[in-house]
Amino acid sequence: QMNSLKPEDTAVYYCRSSLGTVRW
């Protein structure tokens, strides 16, 4: 949940999982 968004928050957002191995 992203509130009070600013121009500097502009980006591609990635989800990451980690349990030994990392996935994106």
mmCIF file of all heavy atoms, coordinates in Angstrom:
data_MODEL
# 
_entry.id   MODEL 
# 
loop_
_atom_site.group_PDB 
_atom_site.id 
_atom_site.type_symbol 
_atom_site.label_atom_id 
_atom_site.label_alt_id 
_atom_site.label_comp_id 
_atom_site.label_asym_id 
_atom_site.label_entity_id 
_atom_site.label_seq_id 
_atom_site.pdbx_PDB_ins_code 
_atom_site.Cartn_x 
_atom_site.Cartn_y 
_atom_site.Cartn_z 
_atom_site.occupancy 
_atom_site.B_iso_or_equiv 
_atom_site.pdbx_formal_charge 
_atom_site.auth_seq_id 
_atom_site.auth_comp_id 
_atom_site.auth_asym_id 
_atom_site.auth_atom_id 
_atom_site.pdbx_PDB_model_num 
ATOM 1   N N   . GLN A 1 1  ? 0.854  -1.178  0.000   1.00 0.00 ? 1  GLN A N   1 
ATOM 2   C CA  . GLN A 1 1  ? 0.000  0.000   0.000   1.00 0.00 ? 1  GLN A CA  1 
ATOM 3   C C   . GLN A 1 1  ? 0.891  1.230   0.000   1.00 0.00 ? 1  GLN A C   1 
ATOM 4   O O   . GLN A 1 1  ? 1.723  1.404   0.899   1.00 0.00 ? 1  GLN A O   1 
ATOM 5   C CB  . GLN A 1 1  ? -0.897 0.008   1.237   1.00 0.00 ? 1  GLN A CB  1 
ATOM 6   C CG  . GLN A 1 1  ? -1.784 1.236   1.349   1.00 0.00 ? 1  GLN A CG  1 
ATOM 7   C CD  . GLN A 1 1  ? -2.828 1.301   0.242   1.00 0.00 ? 1  GLN A CD  1 
ATOM 8   O OE1 . GLN A 1 1  ? -3.450 0.289   -0.081  1.00 0.00 ? 1  GLN A OE1 1 
ATOM 9   N NE2 . GLN A 1 1  ? -3.019 2.480   -0.331  1.00 0.00 ? 1  GLN A NE2 1 
ATOM 10  N N   . MET A 1 2  ? 0.725  2.064   -1.017  1.00 0.00 ? 2  MET A N   1 
ATOM 11  C CA  . MET A 1 2  ? 1.571  3.238   -1.187  1.00 0.00 ? 2  MET A CA  1 
ATOM 12  C C   . MET A 1 2  ? 0.705  4.489   -1.089  1.00 0.00 ? 2  MET A C   1 
ATOM 13  O O   . MET A 1 2  ? -0.187 4.688   -1.915  1.00 0.00 ? 2  MET A O   1 
ATOM 14  C CB  . MET A 1 2  ? 2.278  3.188   -2.547  1.00 0.00 ? 2  MET A CB  1 
ATOM 15  C CG  . MET A 1 2  ? 3.077  1.913   -2.765  1.00 0.00 ? 2  MET A CG  1 
ATOM 16  S SD  . MET A 1 2  ? 4.046  1.933   -4.280  1.00 0.00 ? 2  MET A SD  1 
ATOM 17  C CE  . MET A 1 2  ? 2.745  1.967   -5.500  1.00 0.00 ? 2  MET A CE  1 
ATOM 18  N N   . ASN A 1 3  ? 0.969  5.300   -0.099  1.00 0.00 ? 3  ASN A N   1 
ATOM 19  C CA  . ASN A 1 3  ? 0.237  6.544   0.123   1.00 0.00 ? 3  ASN A CA  1 
ATOM 20  C C   . ASN A 1 3  ? 1.174  7.738   -0.025  1.00 0.00 ? 3  ASN A C   1 
ATOM 21  O O   . ASN A 1 3  ? 2.398  7.589   0.022   1.00 0.00 ? 3  ASN A O   1 
ATOM 22  C CB  . ASN A 1 3  ? -0.390 6.544   1.519   1.00 0.00 ? 3  ASN A CB  1 
ATOM 23  C CG  . ASN A 1 3  ? -1.384 5.421   1.722   1.00 0.00 ? 3  ASN A CG  1 
ATOM 24  O OD1 . ASN A 1 3  ? -2.067 4.996   0.788   1.00 0.00 ? 3  ASN A OD1 1 
ATOM 25  N ND2 . ASN A 1 3  ? -1.475 4.932   2.955   1.00 0.00 ? 3  ASN A ND2 1 
ATOM 26  N N   . SER A 1 4  ? 0.590  8.901   -0.180  1.00 0.00 ? 4  SER A N   1 
ATOM 27  C CA  . SER A 1 4  ? 1.367  10.147  -0.287  1.00 0.00 ? 4  SER A CA  1 
ATOM 28  C C   . SER A 1 4  ? 2.481  10.003  -1.314  1.00 0.00 ? 4  SER A C   1 
ATOM 29  O O   . SER A 1 4  ? 3.644  10.345  -1.044  1.00 0.00 ? 4  SER A O   1 
ATOM 30  C CB  . SER A 1 4  ? 1.946  10.531  1.086   1.00 0.00 ? 4  SER A CB  1 
ATOM 31  O OG  . SER A 1 4  ? 0.916  10.679  2.042   1.00 0.00 ? 4  SER A OG  1 
ATOM 32  N N   . LEU A 1 5  ? 2.128  9.506   -2.460  1.00 0.00 ? 5  LEU A N   1 
ATOM 33  C CA  . LEU A 1 5  ? 3.136  9.225   -3.487  1.00 0.00 ? 5  LEU A CA  1 
ATOM 34  C C   . LEU A 1 5  ? 3.782  10.508  -3.991  1.00 0.00 ? 5  LEU A C   1 
ATOM 35  O O   . LEU A 1 5  ? 3.141  11.564  -4.106  1.00 0.00 ? 5  LEU A O   1 
ATOM 36  C CB  . LEU A 1 5  ? 2.510  8.450   -4.635  1.00 0.00 ? 5  LEU A CB  1 
ATOM 37  C CG  . LEU A 1 5  ? 2.317  6.957   -4.335  1.00 0.00 ? 5  LEU A CG  1 
ATOM 38  C CD1 . LEU A 1 5  ? 1.289  6.336   -5.261  1.00 0.00 ? 5  LEU A CD1 1 
ATOM 39  C CD2 . LEU A 1 5  ? 3.645  6.225   -4.438  1.00 0.00 ? 5  LEU A CD2 1 
ATOM 40  N N   . LYS A 1 6  ? 5.068  10.373  -4.305  1.00 0.00 ? 6  LYS A N   1 
ATOM 41  C CA  . LYS A 1 6  ? 5.877  11.487  -4.785  1.00 0.00 ? 6  LYS A CA  1 
ATOM 42  C C   . LYS A 1 6  ? 6.429  11.157  -6.173  1.00 0.00 ? 6  LYS A C   1 
ATOM 43  O O   . LYS A 1 6  ? 6.584  9.969   -6.502  1.00 0.00 ? 6  LYS A O   1 
ATOM 44  C CB  . LYS A 1 6  ? 7.045  11.728  -3.832  1.00 0.00 ? 6  LYS A CB  1 
ATOM 45  C CG  . LYS A 1 6  ? 6.651  11.968  -2.393  1.00 0.00 ? 6  LYS A CG  1 
ATOM 46  C CD  . LYS A 1 6  ? 7.879  12.076  -1.504  1.00 0.00 ? 6  LYS A CD  1 
ATOM 47  C CE  . LYS A 1 6  ? 7.507  12.291  -0.043  1.00 0.00 ? 6  LYS A CE  1 
ATOM 48  N NZ  . LYS A 1 6  ? 8.706  12.392  0.826   1.00 0.00 ? 6  LYS A NZ  1 
ATOM 49  N N   . PRO A 1 7  ? 6.771  12.163  -6.956  1.00 0.00 ? 7  PRO A N   1 
ATOM 50  C CA  . PRO A 1 7  ? 7.364  11.877  -8.277  1.00 0.00 ? 7  PRO A CA  1 
ATOM 51  C C   . PRO A 1 7  ? 8.596  10.972  -8.189  1.00 0.00 ? 7  PRO A C   1 
ATOM 52  O O   . PRO A 1 7  ? 8.814  10.147  -9.093  1.00 0.00 ? 7  PRO A O   1 
ATOM 53  C CB  . PRO A 1 7  ? 7.721  13.265  -8.796  1.00 0.00 ? 7  PRO A CB  1 
ATOM 54  C CG  . PRO A 1 7  ? 6.715  14.173  -8.153  1.00 0.00 ? 7  PRO A CG  1 
ATOM 55  C CD  . PRO A 1 7  ? 6.505  13.594  -6.780  1.00 0.00 ? 7  PRO A CD  1 
ATOM 56  N N   . GLU A 1 8  ? 9.354  11.092  -7.121  1.00 0.00 ? 8  GLU A N   1 
ATOM 57  C CA  . GLU A 1 8  ? 10.550 10.263  -6.996  1.00 0.00 ? 8  GLU A CA  1 
ATOM 58  C C   . GLU A 1 8  ? 10.234 8.800   -6.690  1.00 0.00 ? 8  GLU A C   1 
ATOM 59  O O   . GLU A 1 8  ? 11.143 7.955   -6.658  1.00 0.00 ? 8  GLU A O   1 
ATOM 60  C CB  . GLU A 1 8  ? 11.498 10.822  -5.920  1.00 0.00 ? 8  GLU A CB  1 
ATOM 61  C CG  . GLU A 1 8  ? 10.852 11.122  -4.592  1.00 0.00 ? 8  GLU A CG  1 
ATOM 62  C CD  . GLU A 1 8  ? 10.450 12.592  -4.446  1.00 0.00 ? 8  GLU A CD  1 
ATOM 63  O OE1 . GLU A 1 8  ? 9.917  13.171  -5.421  1.00 0.00 ? 8  GLU A OE1 1 
ATOM 64  O OE2 . GLU A 1 8  ? 10.668 13.153  -3.345  1.00 0.00 ? 8  GLU A OE2 1 
ATOM 65  N N   . ASP A 1 9  ? 8.973  8.467   -6.463  1.00 0.00 ? 9  ASP A N   1 
ATOM 66  C CA  . ASP A 1 9  ? 8.569  7.070   -6.316  1.00 0.00 ? 9  ASP A CA  1 
ATOM 67  C C   . ASP A 1 9  ? 8.366  6.391   -7.667  1.00 0.00 ? 9  ASP A C   1 
ATOM 68  O O   . ASP A 1 9  ? 8.132  5.183   -7.731  1.00 0.00 ? 9  ASP A O   1 
ATOM 69  C CB  . ASP A 1 9  ? 7.275  6.967   -5.508  1.00 0.00 ? 9  ASP A CB  1 
ATOM 70  C CG  . ASP A 1 9  ? 7.427  7.432   -4.075  1.00 0.00 ? 9  ASP A CG  1 
ATOM 71  O OD1 . ASP A 1 9  ? 8.452  7.091   -3.448  1.00 0.00 ? 9  ASP A OD1 1 
ATOM 72  O OD2 . ASP A 1 9  ? 6.526  8.144   -3.586  1.00 0.00 ? 9  ASP A OD2 1 
ATOM 73  N N   . THR A 1 10 ? 8.441  7.159   -8.740  1.00 0.00 ? 10 THR A N   1 
ATOM 74  C CA  . THR A 1 10 ? 8.276  6.601   -10.077 1.00 0.00 ? 10 THR A CA  1 
ATOM 75  C C   . THR A 1 10 ? 9.362  5.567   -10.356 1.00 0.00 ? 10 THR A C   1 
ATOM 76  O O   . THR A 1 10 ? 10.560 5.847   -10.220 1.00 0.00 ? 10 THR A O   1 
ATOM 77  C CB  . THR A 1 10 ? 8.344  7.717   -11.134 1.00 0.00 ? 10 THR A CB  1 
ATOM 78  O OG1 . THR A 1 10 ? 7.217  8.595   -10.944 1.00 0.00 ? 10 THR A OG1 1 
ATOM 79  C CG2 . THR A 1 10 ? 8.313  7.148   -12.539 1.00 0.00 ? 10 THR A CG2 1 
ATOM 80  N N   . ALA A 1 11 ? 8.937  4.366   -10.733 1.00 0.00 ? 11 ALA A N   1 
ATOM 81  C CA  . ALA A 1 11 ? 9.872  3.261   -10.967 1.00 0.00 ? 11 ALA A CA  1 
ATOM 82  C C   . ALA A 1 11 ? 9.082  2.035   -11.402 1.00 0.00 ? 11 ALA A C   1 
ATOM 83  O O   . ALA A 1 11 ? 7.847  2.024   -11.347 1.00 0.00 ? 11 ALA A O   1 
ATOM 84  C CB  . ALA A 1 11 ? 10.649 2.937   -9.690  1.00 0.00 ? 11 ALA A CB  1 
ATOM 85  N N   . VAL A 1 12 ? 9.808  1.028   -11.839 1.00 0.00 ? 12 VAL A N   1 
ATOM 86  C CA  . VAL A 1 12 ? 9.229  -0.305  -11.988 1.00 0.00 ? 12 VAL A CA  1 
ATOM 87  C C   . VAL A 1 12 ? 9.374  -1.006  -10.645 1.00 0.00 ? 12 VAL A C   1 
ATOM 88  O O   . VAL A 1 12 ? 10.473 -1.037  -10.071 1.00 0.00 ? 12 VAL A O   1 
ATOM 89  C CB  . VAL A 1 12 ? 9.910  -1.107  -13.099 1.00 0.00 ? 12 VAL A CB  1 
ATOM 90  C CG1 . VAL A 1 12 ? 9.305  -2.510  -13.189 1.00 0.00 ? 12 VAL A CG1 1 
ATOM 91  C CG2 . VAL A 1 12 ? 9.788  -0.382  -14.434 1.00 0.00 ? 12 VAL A CG2 1 
ATOM 92  N N   . TYR A 1 13 ? 8.270  -1.529  -10.143 1.00 0.00 ? 13 TYR A N   1 
ATOM 93  C CA  . TYR A 1 13 ? 8.245  -2.198  -8.844  1.00 0.00 ? 13 TYR A CA  1 
ATOM 94  C C   . TYR A 1 13 ? 8.215  -3.707  -9.064  1.00 0.00 ? 13 TYR A C   1 
ATOM 95  O O   . TYR A 1 13 ? 7.390  -4.227  -9.834  1.00 0.00 ? 13 TYR A O   1 
ATOM 96  C CB  . TYR A 1 13 ? 7.037  -1.742  -8.046  1.00 0.00 ? 13 TYR A CB  1 
ATOM 97  C CG  . TYR A 1 13 ? 7.221  -0.364  -7.441  1.00 0.00 ? 13 TYR A CG  1 
ATOM 98  C CD1 . TYR A 1 13 ? 7.240  0.763   -8.261  1.00 0.00 ? 13 TYR A CD1 1 
ATOM 99  C CD2 . TYR A 1 13 ? 7.417  -0.191  -6.082  1.00 0.00 ? 13 TYR A CD2 1 
ATOM 100 C CE1 . TYR A 1 13 ? 7.442  2.023   -7.728  1.00 0.00 ? 13 TYR A CE1 1 
ATOM 101 C CE2 . TYR A 1 13 ? 7.618  1.065   -5.533  1.00 0.00 ? 13 TYR A CE2 1 
ATOM 102 C CZ  . TYR A 1 13 ? 7.628  2.172   -6.361  1.00 0.00 ? 13 TYR A CZ  1 
ATOM 103 O OH  . TYR A 1 13 ? 7.834  3.424   -5.827  1.00 0.00 ? 13 TYR A OH  1 
ATOM 104 N N   . TYR A 1 14 ? 9.109  -4.386  -8.359  1.00 0.00 ? 14 TYR A N   1 
ATOM 105 C CA  . TYR A 1 14 ? 9.264  -5.827  -8.491  1.00 0.00 ? 14 TYR A CA  1 
ATOM 106 C C   . TYR A 1 14 ? 8.955  -6.527  -7.173  1.00 0.00 ? 14 TYR A C   1 
ATOM 107 O O   . TYR A 1 14 ? 9.380  -6.075  -6.107  1.00 0.00 ? 14 TYR A O   1 
ATOM 108 C CB  . TYR A 1 14 ? 10.691 -6.174  -8.889  1.00 0.00 ? 14 TYR A CB  1 
ATOM 109 C CG  . TYR A 1 14 ? 11.110 -5.654  -10.238 1.00 0.00 ? 14 TYR A CG  1 
ATOM 110 C CD1 . TYR A 1 14 ? 11.712 -4.411  -10.375 1.00 0.00 ? 14 TYR A CD1 1 
ATOM 111 C CD2 . TYR A 1 14 ? 10.919 -6.421  -11.389 1.00 0.00 ? 14 TYR A CD2 1 
ATOM 112 C CE1 . TYR A 1 14 ? 12.111 -3.930  -11.614 1.00 0.00 ? 14 TYR A CE1 1 
ATOM 113 C CE2 . TYR A 1 14 ? 11.312 -5.952  -12.634 1.00 0.00 ? 14 TYR A CE2 1 
ATOM 114 C CZ  . TYR A 1 14 ? 11.903 -4.705  -12.731 1.00 0.00 ? 14 TYR A CZ  1 
ATOM 115 O OH  . TYR A 1 14 ? 12.298 -4.238  -13.966 1.00 0.00 ? 14 TYR A OH  1 
ATOM 116 N N   . CYS A 1 15 ? 8.310  -7.649  -7.282  1.00 0.00 ? 15 CYS A N   1 
ATOM 117 C CA  . CYS A 1 15 ? 8.092  -8.540  -6.143  1.00 0.00 ? 15 CYS A CA  1 
ATOM 118 C C   . CYS A 1 15 ? 9.225  -9.567  -6.119  1.00 0.00 ? 15 CYS A C   1 
ATOM 119 O O   . CYS A 1 15 ? 9.676  -10.040 -7.180  1.00 0.00 ? 15 CYS A O   1 
ATOM 120 C CB  . CYS A 1 15 ? 6.744  -9.229  -6.329  1.00 0.00 ? 15 CYS A CB  1 
ATOM 121 S SG  . CYS A 1 15 ? 6.254  -10.332 -4.999  1.00 0.00 ? 15 CYS A SG  1 
ATOM 122 N N   . ARG A 1 16 ? 9.665  -9.893  -4.925  1.00 0.00 ? 16 ARG A N   1 
ATOM 123 C CA  . ARG A 1 16 ? 10.779 -10.838 -4.755  1.00 0.00 ? 16 ARG A CA  1 
ATOM 124 C C   . ARG A 1 16 ? 10.435 -11.840 -3.663  1.00 0.00 ? 16 ARG A C   1 
ATOM 125 O O   . ARG A 1 16 ? 9.924  -11.466 -2.606  1.00 0.00 ? 16 ARG A O   1 
ATOM 126 C CB  . ARG A 1 16 ? 12.034 -10.068 -4.371  1.00 0.00 ? 16 ARG A CB  1 
ATOM 127 C CG  . ARG A 1 16 ? 13.287 -10.893 -4.074  1.00 0.00 ? 16 ARG A CG  1 
ATOM 128 C CD  . ARG A 1 16 ? 14.379 -9.943  -3.596  1.00 0.00 ? 16 ARG A CD  1 
ATOM 129 N NE  . ARG A 1 16 ? 15.676 -10.542 -3.406  1.00 0.00 ? 16 ARG A NE  1 
ATOM 130 C CZ  . ARG A 1 16 ? 16.124 -11.030 -2.256  1.00 0.00 ? 16 ARG A CZ  1 
ATOM 131 N NH1 . ARG A 1 16 ? 15.359 -11.011 -1.191  1.00 0.00 ? 16 ARG A NH1 1 
ATOM 132 N NH2 . ARG A 1 16 ? 17.335 -11.537 -2.175  1.00 0.00 ? 16 ARG A NH2 1 
ATOM 133 N N   . SER A 1 17 ? 10.741 -13.090 -3.926  1.00 0.00 ? 17 SER A N   1 
ATOM 134 C CA  . SER A 1 17 ? 10.595 -14.128 -2.911  1.00 0.00 ? 17 SER A CA  1 
ATOM 135 C C   . SER A 1 17 ? 11.964 -14.699 -2.590  1.00 0.00 ? 17 SER A C   1 
ATOM 136 O O   . SER A 1 17 ? 12.839 -14.781 -3.452  1.00 0.00 ? 17 SER A O   1 
ATOM 137 C CB  . SER A 1 17 ? 9.658  -15.239 -3.395  1.00 0.00 ? 17 SER A CB  1 
ATOM 138 O OG  . SER A 1 17 ? 10.247 -15.956 -4.463  1.00 0.00 ? 17 SER A OG  1 
ATOM 139 N N   . SER A 1 18 ? 12.138 -15.103 -1.341  1.00 0.00 ? 18 SER A N   1 
ATOM 140 C CA  . SER A 1 18 ? 13.432 -15.641 -0.919  1.00 0.00 ? 18 SER A CA  1 
ATOM 141 C C   . SER A 1 18 ? 13.234 -16.730 0.124   1.00 0.00 ? 18 SER A C   1 
ATOM 142 O O   . SER A 1 18 ? 12.602 -16.508 1.159   1.00 0.00 ? 18 SER A O   1 
ATOM 143 C CB  . SER A 1 18 ? 14.288 -14.507 -0.337  1.00 0.00 ? 18 SER A CB  1 
ATOM 144 O OG  . SER A 1 18 ? 15.490 -15.019 0.187   1.00 0.00 ? 18 SER A OG  1 
ATOM 145 N N   . LEU A 1 19 ? 13.751 -17.904 -0.207  1.00 0.00 ? 19 LEU A N   1 
ATOM 146 C CA  . LEU A 1 19 ? 13.846 -19.008 0.756   1.00 0.00 ? 19 LEU A CA  1 
ATOM 147 C C   . LEU A 1 19 ? 14.998 -19.859 0.257   1.00 0.00 ? 19 LEU A C   1 
ATOM 148 O O   . LEU A 1 19 ? 14.822 -20.891 -0.370  1.00 0.00 ? 19 LEU A O   1 
ATOM 149 C CB  . LEU A 1 19 ? 12.539 -19.803 0.798   1.00 0.00 ? 19 LEU A CB  1 
ATOM 150 C CG  . LEU A 1 19 ? 12.486 -20.914 1.852   1.00 0.00 ? 19 LEU A CG  1 
ATOM 151 C CD1 . LEU A 1 19 ? 12.599 -20.333 3.255   1.00 0.00 ? 19 LEU A CD1 1 
ATOM 152 C CD2 . LEU A 1 19 ? 11.209 -21.732 1.728   1.00 0.00 ? 19 LEU A CD2 1 
ATOM 153 N N   . GLY A 1 20 ? 16.203 -19.343 0.479   1.00 0.00 ? 20 GLY A N   1 
ATOM 154 C CA  . GLY A 1 20 ? 17.374 -19.938 -0.154  1.00 0.00 ? 20 GLY A CA  1 
ATOM 155 C C   . GLY A 1 20 ? 17.502 -19.379 -1.563  1.00 0.00 ? 20 GLY A C   1 
ATOM 156 O O   . GLY A 1 20 ? 18.342 -18.533 -1.848  1.00 0.00 ? 20 GLY A O   1 
ATOM 157 N N   . THR A 1 21 ? 16.634 -19.830 -2.448  1.00 0.00 ? 21 THR A N   1 
ATOM 158 C CA  . THR A 1 21 ? 16.622 -19.333 -3.830  1.00 0.00 ? 21 THR A CA  1 
ATOM 159 C C   . THR A 1 21 ? 15.780 -18.066 -3.923  1.00 0.00 ? 21 THR A C   1 
ATOM 160 O O   . THR A 1 21 ? 14.743 -17.953 -3.285  1.00 0.00 ? 21 THR A O   1 
ATOM 161 C CB  . THR A 1 21 ? 16.041 -20.407 -4.761  1.00 0.00 ? 21 THR A CB  1 
ATOM 162 O OG1 . THR A 1 21 ? 16.835 -21.587 -4.647  1.00 0.00 ? 21 THR A OG1 1 
ATOM 163 C CG2 . THR A 1 21 ? 16.052 -19.939 -6.209  1.00 0.00 ? 21 THR A CG2 1 
ATOM 164 N N   . VAL A 1 22 ? 16.237 -17.127 -4.734  1.00 0.00 ? 22 VAL A N   1 
ATOM 165 C CA  . VAL A 1 22 ? 15.518 -15.876 -4.944  1.00 0.00 ? 22 VAL A CA  1 
ATOM 166 C C   . VAL A 1 22 ? 14.787 -15.929 -6.283  1.00 0.00 ? 22 VAL A C   1 
ATOM 167 O O   . VAL A 1 22 ? 15.335 -16.390 -7.287  1.00 0.00 ? 22 VAL A O   1 
ATOM 168 C CB  . VAL A 1 22 ? 16.493 -14.682 -4.928  1.00 0.00 ? 22 VAL A CB  1 
ATOM 169 C CG1 . VAL A 1 22 ? 15.789 -13.401 -5.359  1.00 0.00 ? 22 VAL A CG1 1 
ATOM 170 C CG2 . VAL A 1 22 ? 17.097 -14.519 -3.537  1.00 0.00 ? 22 VAL A CG2 1 
ATOM 171 N N   . ARG A 1 23 ? 13.560 -15.461 -6.274  1.00 0.00 ? 23 ARG A N   1 
ATOM 172 C CA  . ARG A 1 23 ? 12.768 -15.334 -7.505  1.00 0.00 ? 23 ARG A CA  1 
ATOM 173 C C   . ARG A 1 23 ? 12.228 -13.910 -7.608  1.00 0.00 ? 23 ARG A C   1 
ATOM 174 O O   . ARG A 1 23 ? 11.947 -13.272 -6.596  1.00 0.00 ? 23 ARG A O   1 
ATOM 175 C CB  . ARG A 1 23 ? 11.590 -16.308 -7.498  1.00 0.00 ? 23 ARG A CB  1 
ATOM 176 C CG  . ARG A 1 23 ? 11.993 -17.769 -7.580  1.00 0.00 ? 23 ARG A CG  1 
ATOM 177 C CD  . ARG A 1 23 ? 12.361 -18.160 -8.995  1.00 0.00 ? 23 ARG A CD  1 
ATOM 178 N NE  . ARG A 1 23 ? 12.603 -19.605 -9.107  1.00 0.00 ? 23 ARG A NE  1 
ATOM 179 C CZ  . ARG A 1 23 ? 13.798 -20.168 -9.033  1.00 0.00 ? 23 ARG A CZ  1 
ATOM 180 N NH1 . ARG A 1 23 ? 14.861 -19.406 -8.858  1.00 0.00 ? 23 ARG A NH1 1 
ATOM 181 N NH2 . ARG A 1 23 ? 13.929 -21.466 -9.160  1.00 0.00 ? 23 ARG A NH2 1 
ATOM 182 N N   . TRP A 1 24 ? 12.073 -13.448 -8.858  1.00 0.00 ? 24 TRP A N   1 
ATOM 183 C CA  . TRP A 1 24 ? 11.557 -12.108 -9.123  1.00 0.00 ? 24 TRP A CA  1 
ATOM 184 C C   . TRP A 1 24 ? 10.331 -12.190 -10.018 1.00 0.00 ? 24 TRP A C   1 
ATOM 185 O O   . TRP A 1 24 ? 10.225 -13.060 -10.881 1.00 0.00 ? 24 TRP A O   1 
ATOM 186 C CB  . TRP A 1 24 ? 12.610 -11.265 -9.851  1.00 0.00 ? 24 TRP A CB  1 
ATOM 187 C CG  . TRP A 1 24 ? 13.837 -10.976 -9.057  1.00 0.00 ? 24 TRP A CG  1 
ATOM 188 C CD1 . TRP A 1 24 ? 14.988 -11.706 -9.022  1.00 0.00 ? 24 TRP A CD1 1 
ATOM 189 C CD2 . TRP A 1 24 ? 14.048 -9.866  -8.172  1.00 0.00 ? 24 TRP A CD2 1 
ATOM 190 N NE1 . TRP A 1 24 ? 15.895 -11.123 -8.175  1.00 0.00 ? 24 TRP A NE1 1 
ATOM 191 C CE2 . TRP A 1 24 ? 15.344 -9.990  -7.642  1.00 0.00 ? 24 TRP A CE2 1 
ATOM 192 C CE3 . TRP A 1 24 ? 13.271 -8.775  -7.784  1.00 0.00 ? 24 TRP A CE3 1 
ATOM 193 C CZ2 . TRP A 1 24 ? 15.885 -9.069  -6.743  1.00 0.00 ? 24 TRP A CZ2 1 
ATOM 194 C CZ3 . TRP A 1 24 ? 13.807 -7.852  -6.898  1.00 0.00 ? 24 TRP A CZ3 1 
ATOM 195 C CH2 . TRP A 1 24 ? 15.091 -8.010  -6.386  1.00 0.00 ? 24 TRP A CH2 1 
# 
